[in-house]
Amino acid sequence: MLGFVLDVVFTVVAIRAIWKLLSGIKIGMSVRTAEPRQPDTGHAPGQGVQMVKDPVCGTYVVPDHAVSISVGRQRMYFCSDACRDKYRAKTA
């Protein structure tokens, strides 16, 4: 009786393994035949980007996506409106 149960368990495990293997091959084939993906602009850039440090909290931010103000001839960058407002209140 125990041998029969072990045979059934082995058969179920083997069938599941074969099923996963075949579905993986199917996914691999569909990825290979799909058109190349276009770069997604919502992620990190491919090249290094100079980051700047927020003078209030010390967080490093990408200047293109940061909140900024002009102080004289210098441009100040902040991680959020809250940090910008704290800086303005401190310097006013």
Protein backbone atom coordinates (compact mmCIF):
# COMPACT_ATOMS: atom_id res chain seq x y z
CA MET A 1 0.00 0.00 0.00
CA LEU A 2 2.82 2.40 0.89
CA GLY A 3 4.49 1.65 -2.41
CA PHE A 4 1.33 2.60 -4.30
CA VAL A 5 1.07 5.94 -2.44
CA LEU A 6 4.72 6.71 -3.15
CA ASP A 7 4.18 5.89 -6.83
CA VAL A 8 1.22 8.27 -7.01
CA VAL A 9 3.15 11.07 -5.26
CA PHE A 10 6.14 10.53 -7.57
CA THR A 11 3.88 10.60 -10.63
CA VAL A 12 2.21 13.86 -9.52
CA VAL A 13 5.59 15.49 -8.84
CA ALA A 14 6.95 14.33 -12.21
CA ILE A 15 3.91 15.61 -14.09
CA ARG A 16 4.14 19.01 -12.37
CA ALA A 17 7.86 19.25 -13.15
CA ILE A 18 7.27 18.45 -16.81
CA TRP A 19 4.38 20.94 -16.91
CA LYS A 20 6.57 23.74 -15.47
CA LEU A 21 9.39 22.88 -17.88
CA LEU A 22 7.07 23.07 -20.87
CA SER A 23 5.46 26.33 -19.73
CA GLY A 24 8.93 27.81 -19.21
CA ILE A 25 9.93 26.80 -22.73
CA LYS A 26 6.71 28.33 -24.07
CA ILE A 27 7.39 31.63 -22.23
CA GLY A 28 10.99 31.62 -23.45
CA MET A 29 9.90 31.13 -27.04
CA SER A 30 7.35 33.95 -26.84
CA VAL A 31 9.94 36.33 -25.36
CA ARG A 32 12.42 35.45 -28.08
CA THR A 33 9.93 36.11 -30.88
CA ALA A 34 8.52 39.30 -29.34
CA GLU A 35 9.59 42.67 -30.66
CA PRO A 36 12.43 44.38 -28.80
CA ARG A 37 11.33 46.56 -25.91
CA GLN A 38 11.71 50.30 -26.11
CA PRO A 39 13.55 51.94 -23.24
CA ASP A 40 11.26 52.94 -20.40
CA THR A 41 11.80 56.56 -19.39
CA GLY A 42 10.31 56.00 -15.94
CA HIS A 43 13.36 54.11 -14.70
CA ALA A 44 16.95 54.97 -13.93
CA PRO A 45 18.91 56.34 -16.88
CA GLY A 46 21.40 54.13 -18.68
CA GLN A 47 24.31 56.49 -18.06
CA GLY A 48 25.47 58.06 -14.83
CA VAL A 49 23.73 61.28 -13.83
CA GLN A 50 25.21 63.97 -11.62
CA MET A 51 23.08 64.20 -8.50
CA VAL A 52 22.83 67.13 -6.09
CA LYS A 53 22.38 67.16 -2.34
CA ASP A 54 19.28 68.69 -0.76
CA PRO A 55 20.64 71.34 1.66
CA VAL A 56 17.86 70.72 4.19
CA CYS A 57 17.63 66.94 4.64
CA GLY A 58 20.74 65.76 2.79
CA THR A 59 18.90 63.55 0.28
CA TYR A 60 20.56 63.24 -3.13
CA VAL A 61 18.25 64.09 -6.02
CA VAL A 62 18.43 64.16 -9.80
CA PRO A 63 18.26 67.84 -10.82
CA ASP A 64 15.81 67.18 -13.68
CA HIS A 65 13.24 65.72 -11.25
CA ALA A 66 13.90 67.92 -8.20
CA VAL A 67 12.09 70.95 -6.84
CA SER A 68 14.34 73.96 -7.41
CA ILE A 69 14.64 77.66 -6.69
CA SER A 70 17.12 80.33 -7.74
CA VAL A 71 19.13 82.02 -4.99
CA GLY A 72 21.06 84.81 -6.65
CA ARG A 73 22.99 83.16 -9.49
CA GLN A 74 22.91 79.75 -7.82
CA ARG A 75 20.23 77.11 -8.37
CA MET A 76 19.17 75.17 -5.25
CA TYR A 77 17.60 71.71 -5.56
CA PHE A 78 15.28 70.04 -3.04
CA CYS A 79 13.72 66.60 -2.71
CA SER A 80 10.27 68.02 -1.92
CA ASP A 81 8.20 71.15 -1.53
CA ALA A 82 8.44 70.75 2.25
CA CYS A 83 12.27 70.93 2.18
CA ARG A 84 12.12 73.93 -0.15
CA ASP A 85 9.71 75.71 2.21
CA LYS A 86 11.93 74.93 5.24
CA TYR A 87 14.91 76.39 3.39
CA ARG A 88 12.96 79.53 2.48
CA ALA A 89 11.77 79.96 6.08
CA LYS A 90 15.31 79.51 7.41
CA THR A 91 16.87 82.03 5.01
CA ALA A 92 14.07 84.62 5.20
